[in-house]
Amino acid sequence: MCIRDSYQELPSENIPTAEKDGVEVRVIAGESMGVQSPVYTRTPTMFLVFSMMPGSEWHQSIPESWNCFVYVIEGEGVFGCTSSSPCVAHHVLVLSLGDGLSVWNNSSKPLRFVVVAGQPLNEPVAQYGPFVMNTQSEIEKTLEDYQYGRNGFEMRKYWRSQ
């Protein structure tokens, strides 16, 4: 499932929305425009879907120590400072630590993007191929489970990419 489609699978009546000055936000997790999501996350996170009309601008507060990225779904916008080049659809921006995200839609078309942010876990990371775990021994156990078709990999022989 890709980020672009994942939020559309949630019943829209359960996702709080807010609108201000040509900017609409769907608050899947976290808070924006004074609206809090009913979703509880063990680690503080933010998953926001923005729609911005042409000529609009918005500043989203993000805790300074959080990791954050933005995925542009459609349109183009300036993210960060007014002298930046526009970022266009299907691009990802990884934000550096700071006090939030400023966005301007200087184009003649609507801009849609998601903001995903969260408090860093500061856990060790081990990776091999598509598998990401905390330790090398967990990677080895996962490879063994995959090889023998157990612990969630029982149907692996029948998996096909679309």
C-alpha atoms as a PDB file:
ATOM      1  CA  MET A   1       0.000   0.000   0.000  1.00  0.00           C
ATOM      2  CA  CYS A   2       1.426   3.398  -0.871  1.00  0.00           C
ATOM      3  CA  ILE A   3       1.047   6.516   1.231  1.00  0.00           C
ATOM      4  CA  ARG A   4      -0.920   8.216  -1.511  1.00  0.00           C
ATOM      5  CA  ASP A   5      -3.737   5.653  -1.239  1.00  0.00           C
ATOM      6  CA  SER A   6      -3.514   4.547   2.391  1.00  0.00           C
ATOM      7  CA  TYR A   7      -5.444   7.415   3.938  1.00  0.00           C
ATOM      8  CA  GLN A   8      -8.274   7.013   1.393  1.00  0.00           C
ATOM      9  CA  GLU A   9      -9.048   3.546   2.785  1.00  0.00           C
ATOM     10  CA  LEU A  10     -10.074   4.992   6.156  1.00  0.00           C
ATOM     11  CA  PRO A  11     -13.749   5.915   6.549  1.00  0.00           C
ATOM     12  CA  SER A  12     -13.697   9.656   5.870  1.00  0.00           C
ATOM     13  CA  GLU A  13     -16.407  10.392   8.443  1.00  0.00           C
ATOM     14  CA  ASN A  14     -13.993   9.240  11.175  1.00  0.00           C
ATOM     15  CA  ILE A  15     -11.133  11.511  10.106  1.00  0.00           C
ATOM     16  CA  PRO A  16     -11.316  14.988  11.632  1.00  0.00           C
ATOM     17  CA  THR A  17     -10.807  17.845   9.182  1.00  0.00           C
ATOM     18  CA  ALA A  18     -10.221  21.555   9.533  1.00  0.00           C
ATOM     19  CA  GLU A  19     -10.082  24.404   7.045  1.00  0.00           C
ATOM     20  CA  LYS A  20      -8.600  27.879   7.181  1.00  0.00           C
ATOM     21  CA  ASP A  21      -7.655  30.445   4.527  1.00  0.00           C
ATOM     22  CA  GLY A  22      -7.787  28.021   1.587  1.00  0.00           C
ATOM     23  CA  VAL A  23      -5.959  25.228   3.432  1.00  0.00           C
ATOM     24  CA  GLU A  24      -7.743  22.022   4.425  1.00  0.00           C
ATOM     25  CA  VAL A  25      -6.178  19.321   6.596  1.00  0.00           C
ATOM     26  CA  ARG A  26      -7.283  15.790   7.396  1.00  0.00           C
ATOM     27  CA  VAL A  27      -5.837  14.860  10.790  1.00  0.00           C
ATOM     28  CA  ILE A  28      -5.210  11.112  10.694  1.00  0.00           C
ATOM     29  CA  ALA A  29      -2.773  11.213  13.628  1.00  0.00           C
ATOM     30  CA  GLY A  30      -1.535  14.139  15.687  1.00  0.00           C
ATOM     31  CA  GLU A  31      -2.898  17.668  15.655  1.00  0.00           C
ATOM     32  CA  SER A  32      -3.299  20.560  13.224  1.00  0.00           C
ATOM     33  CA  MET A  33      -5.375  23.769  13.175  1.00  0.00           C
ATOM     34  CA  GLY A  34      -6.515  23.013  16.722  1.00  0.00           C
ATOM     35  CA  VAL A  35      -8.006  19.648  15.677  1.00  0.00           C
ATOM     36  CA  GLN A  36      -6.785  16.494  17.437  1.00  0.00           C
ATOM     37  CA  SER A  37      -7.020  13.033  15.876  1.00  0.00           C
ATOM     38  CA  PRO A  38      -8.835  10.381  17.903  1.00  0.00           C
ATOM     39  CA  VAL A  39      -6.074   7.931  16.938  1.00  0.00           C
ATOM     40  CA  TYR A  40      -3.760   6.995  19.806  1.00  0.00           C
ATOM     41  CA  THR A  41      -0.152   6.162  18.923  1.00  0.00           C
ATOM     42  CA  ARG A  42       2.311   4.668  21.386  1.00  0.00           C
ATOM     43  CA  THR A  43       5.065   6.885  20.039  1.00  0.00           C
ATOM     44  CA  PRO A  44       4.013  10.488  19.397  1.00  0.00           C
ATOM     45  CA  THR A  45       3.385  10.818  15.658  1.00  0.00           C
ATOM     46  CA  MET A  46       1.735  13.062  13.111  1.00  0.00           C
ATOM     47  CA  PHE A  47       0.042  11.984   9.848  1.00  0.00           C
ATOM     48  CA  LEU A  48      -1.630  14.931   8.131  1.00  0.00           C
ATOM     49  CA  VAL A  49      -3.100  15.257   4.629  1.00  0.00           C
ATOM     50  CA  PHE A  50      -3.164  18.822   3.313  1.00  0.00           C
ATOM     51  CA  SER A  51      -5.051  20.339   0.380  1.00  0.00           C
ATOM     52  CA  MET A  52      -4.063  23.901  -0.456  1.00  0.00           C
ATOM     53  CA  MET A  53      -5.834  26.170  -2.904  1.00  0.00           C
ATOM     54  CA  PRO A  54      -3.788  28.367  -5.274  1.00  0.00           C
ATOM     55  CA  GLY A  55      -2.318  31.391  -3.509  1.00  0.00           C
ATOM     56  CA  SER A  56      -2.588  29.890  -0.027  1.00  0.00           C
ATOM     57  CA  GLU A  57       0.145  29.411   2.537  1.00  0.00           C
ATOM     58  CA  TRP A  58       0.457  27.474   5.784  1.00  0.00           C
ATOM     59  CA  HIS A  59       2.870  26.894   8.637  1.00  0.00           C
ATOM     60  CA  GLN A  60       2.593  23.560  10.450  1.00  0.00           C
ATOM     61  CA  SER A  61       4.273  23.259  13.832  1.00  0.00           C
ATOM     62  CA  ILE A  62       6.335  20.099  14.266  1.00  0.00           C
ATOM     63  CA  PRO A  63       8.229  19.397  17.485  1.00  0.00           C
ATOM     64  CA  GLU A  64      11.859  20.372  16.969  1.00  0.00           C
ATOM     65  CA  SER A  65      13.324  16.945  17.777  1.00  0.00           C
ATOM     66  CA  TRP A  66      10.974  14.893  15.538  1.00  0.00           C
ATOM     67  CA  ASN A  67      11.876  13.260  12.239  1.00  0.00           C
ATOM     68  CA  CYS A  68       9.617  14.336   9.383  1.00  0.00           C
ATOM     69  CA  PHE A  69       9.017  13.859   5.693  1.00  0.00           C
ATOM     70  CA  VAL A  70       6.572  15.287   3.167  1.00  0.00           C
ATOM     71  CA  TYR A  71       5.165  13.428   0.145  1.00  0.00           C
ATOM     72  CA  VAL A  72       3.631  15.588  -2.590  1.00  0.00           C
ATOM     73  CA  ILE A  73       0.532  13.861  -4.010  1.00  0.00           C
ATOM     74  CA  GLU A  74      -0.449  16.410  -6.643  1.00  0.00           C
ATOM     75  CA  GLY A  75       0.370  19.937  -7.732  1.00  0.00           C
ATOM     76  CA  GLU A  76       3.463  21.860  -6.775  1.00  0.00           C
ATOM     77  CA  GLY A  77       4.443  24.016  -3.849  1.00  0.00           C
ATOM     78  CA  VAL A  78       7.313  25.786  -2.185  1.00  0.00           C
ATOM     79  CA  PHE A  79       8.343  24.061   1.025  1.00  0.00           C
ATOM     80  CA  GLY A  80      10.670  25.826   3.439  1.00  0.00           C
ATOM     81  CA  CYS A  81      11.559  29.292   2.243  1.00  0.00           C
ATOM     82  CA  THR A  82      10.119  31.615  -0.385  1.00  0.00           C
ATOM     83  CA  SER A  83      13.230  31.519  -2.577  1.00  0.00           C
ATOM     84  CA  SER A  84      13.132  27.724  -3.002  1.00  0.00           C
ATOM     85  CA  SER A  85      12.179  25.974  -6.217  1.00  0.00           C
ATOM     86  CA  PRO A  86       8.754  24.326  -6.209  1.00  0.00           C
ATOM     87  CA  CYS A  87       8.529  20.663  -5.289  1.00  0.00           C
ATOM     88  CA  VAL A  88       6.230  18.714  -7.609  1.00  0.00           C
ATOM     89  CA  ALA A  89       3.995  15.642  -7.351  1.00  0.00           C
ATOM     90  CA  HIS A  90       5.490  12.259  -6.454  1.00  0.00           C
ATOM     91  CA  HIS A  91       8.511  13.722  -4.695  1.00  0.00           C
ATOM     92  CA  VAL A  92       9.546  13.265  -1.079  1.00  0.00           C
ATOM     93  CA  LEU A  93      11.133  15.924   1.113  1.00  0.00           C
ATOM     94  CA  VAL A  94      12.995  14.837   4.233  1.00  0.00           C
ATOM     95  CA  LEU A  95      12.998  17.719   6.674  1.00  0.00           C
ATOM     96  CA  SER A  96      15.877  18.704   8.903  1.00  0.00           C
ATOM     97  CA  LEU A  97      15.276  19.412  12.560  1.00  0.00           C
ATOM     98  CA  GLY A  98      13.586  22.737  13.122  1.00  0.00           C
ATOM     99  CA  ASP A  99      10.444  24.426  14.320  1.00  0.00           C
ATOM    100  CA  GLY A 100       8.027  23.253  11.650  1.00  0.00           C
ATOM    101  CA  LEU A 101       7.113  23.358   7.988  1.00  0.00           C
ATOM    102  CA  SER A 102       6.109  26.389   5.919  1.00  0.00           C
ATOM    103  CA  VAL A 103       4.371  25.827   2.568  1.00  0.00           C
ATOM    104  CA  TRP A 104       3.272  28.195  -0.195  1.00  0.00           C
ATOM    105  CA  ASN A 105       1.083  27.237  -3.139  1.00  0.00           C
ATOM    106  CA  ASN A 106       2.155  29.847  -5.670  1.00  0.00           C
ATOM    107  CA  SER A 107       0.787  27.846  -8.613  1.00  0.00           C
ATOM    108  CA  SER A 108      -2.594  28.079 -10.321  1.00  0.00           C
ATOM    109  CA  LYS A 109      -3.584  24.534  -9.315  1.00  0.00           C
ATOM    110  CA  PRO A 110      -4.430  22.863  -5.989  1.00  0.00           C
ATOM    111  CA  LEU A 111      -1.608  21.278  -3.990  1.00  0.00           C
ATOM    112  CA  ARG A 112      -2.060  18.037  -2.006  1.00  0.00           C
ATOM    113  CA  PHE A 113       0.610  16.500   0.229  1.00  0.00           C
ATOM    114  CA  VAL A 114       1.048  14.415   3.363  1.00  0.00           C
ATOM    115  CA  VAL A 115       3.182  15.235   6.377  1.00  0.00           C
ATOM    116  CA  VAL A 116       4.443  12.252   8.363  1.00  0.00           C
ATOM    117  CA  ALA A 117       6.440  12.990  11.506  1.00  0.00           C
ATOM    118  CA  GLY A 118       7.303  11.295  14.733  1.00  0.00           C
ATOM    119  CA  GLN A 119       9.433  11.266  17.808  1.00  0.00           C
ATOM    120  CA  PRO A 120      12.651   9.333  17.050  1.00  0.00           C
ATOM    121  CA  LEU A 121      12.822   5.910  18.680  1.00  0.00           C
ATOM    122  CA  ASN A 122      16.630   5.972  18.887  1.00  0.00           C
ATOM    123  CA  GLU A 123      16.736   2.188  18.533  1.00  0.00           C
ATOM    124  CA  PRO A 124      19.414   0.221  16.706  1.00  0.00           C
ATOM    125  CA  VAL A 125      18.586  -0.688  13.113  1.00  0.00           C
ATOM    126  CA  ALA A 126      19.715  -3.777  11.199  1.00  0.00           C
ATOM    127  CA  GLN A 127      18.739  -4.168   7.538  1.00  0.00           C
ATOM    128  CA  TYR A 128      19.187  -6.872   4.931  1.00  0.00           C
ATOM    129  CA  GLY A 129      17.280  -6.727   1.637  1.00  0.00           C
ATOM    130  CA  PRO A 130      13.683  -5.761   2.397  1.00  0.00           C
ATOM    131  CA  PHE A 131      13.958  -6.807   6.051  1.00  0.00           C
ATOM    132  CA  VAL A 132      14.520  -4.213   8.775  1.00  0.00           C
ATOM    133  CA  MET A 133      14.885  -5.241  12.406  1.00  0.00           C
ATOM    134  CA  ASN A 134      16.807  -4.110  15.495  1.00  0.00           C
ATOM    135  CA  THR A 135      19.605  -6.707  15.522  1.00  0.00           C
ATOM    136  CA  GLN A 136      21.476  -8.942  13.110  1.00  0.00           C
ATOM    137  CA  SER A 137      20.181 -12.030  14.963  1.00  0.00           C
ATOM    138  CA  GLU A 138      16.576 -10.858  14.336  1.00  0.00           C
ATOM    139  CA  ILE A 139      17.429 -10.508  10.633  1.00  0.00           C
ATOM    140  CA  GLU A 140      18.828 -14.061  10.587  1.00  0.00           C
ATOM    141  CA  LYS A 141      15.672 -15.400  12.309  1.00  0.00           C
ATOM    142  CA  THR A 142      13.475 -13.549   9.810  1.00  0.00           C
ATOM    143  CA  LEU A 143      15.436 -14.963   6.855  1.00  0.00           C
ATOM    144  CA  GLU A 144      15.033 -18.443   8.332  1.00  0.00           C
ATOM    145  CA  ASP A 145      11.273 -17.893   8.796  1.00  0.00           C
ATOM    146  CA  TYR A 146      11.029 -16.698   5.193  1.00  0.00           C
ATOM    147  CA  GLN A 147      13.027 -19.670   3.890  1.00  0.00           C
ATOM    148  CA  TYR A 148      10.860 -22.203   5.742  1.00  0.00           C
ATOM    149  CA  GLY A 149       7.551 -20.366   5.199  1.00  0.00           C
ATOM    150  CA  ARG A 150       6.568 -19.731   8.815  1.00  0.00           C
ATOM    151  CA  ASN A 151       5.720 -16.901  11.194  1.00  0.00           C
ATOM    152  CA  GLY A 152       3.772 -14.851   8.625  1.00  0.00           C
ATOM    153  CA  PHE A 153       5.530 -16.136   5.499  1.00  0.00           C
ATOM    154  CA  GLU A 154       3.330 -19.220   5.032  1.00  0.00           C
ATOM    155  CA  MET A 155       1.905 -17.998   1.702  1.00  0.00           C
ATOM    156  CA  ARG A 156       5.158 -16.564   0.309  1.00  0.00           C
ATOM    157  CA  LYS A 157       5.270 -19.083  -2.574  1.00  0.00           C
ATOM    158  CA  TYR A 158       2.068 -17.578  -3.958  1.00  0.00           C
ATOM    159  CA  TRP A 159       2.942 -13.882  -3.624  1.00  0.00           C
ATOM    160  CA  ARG A 160       3.040 -11.952  -6.899  1.00  0.00           C
ATOM    161  CA  SER A 161       3.840  -8.339  -7.616  1.00  0.00           C
ATOM    162  CA  GLN A 162       1.205  -6.319  -9.419  1.00  0.00           C
END
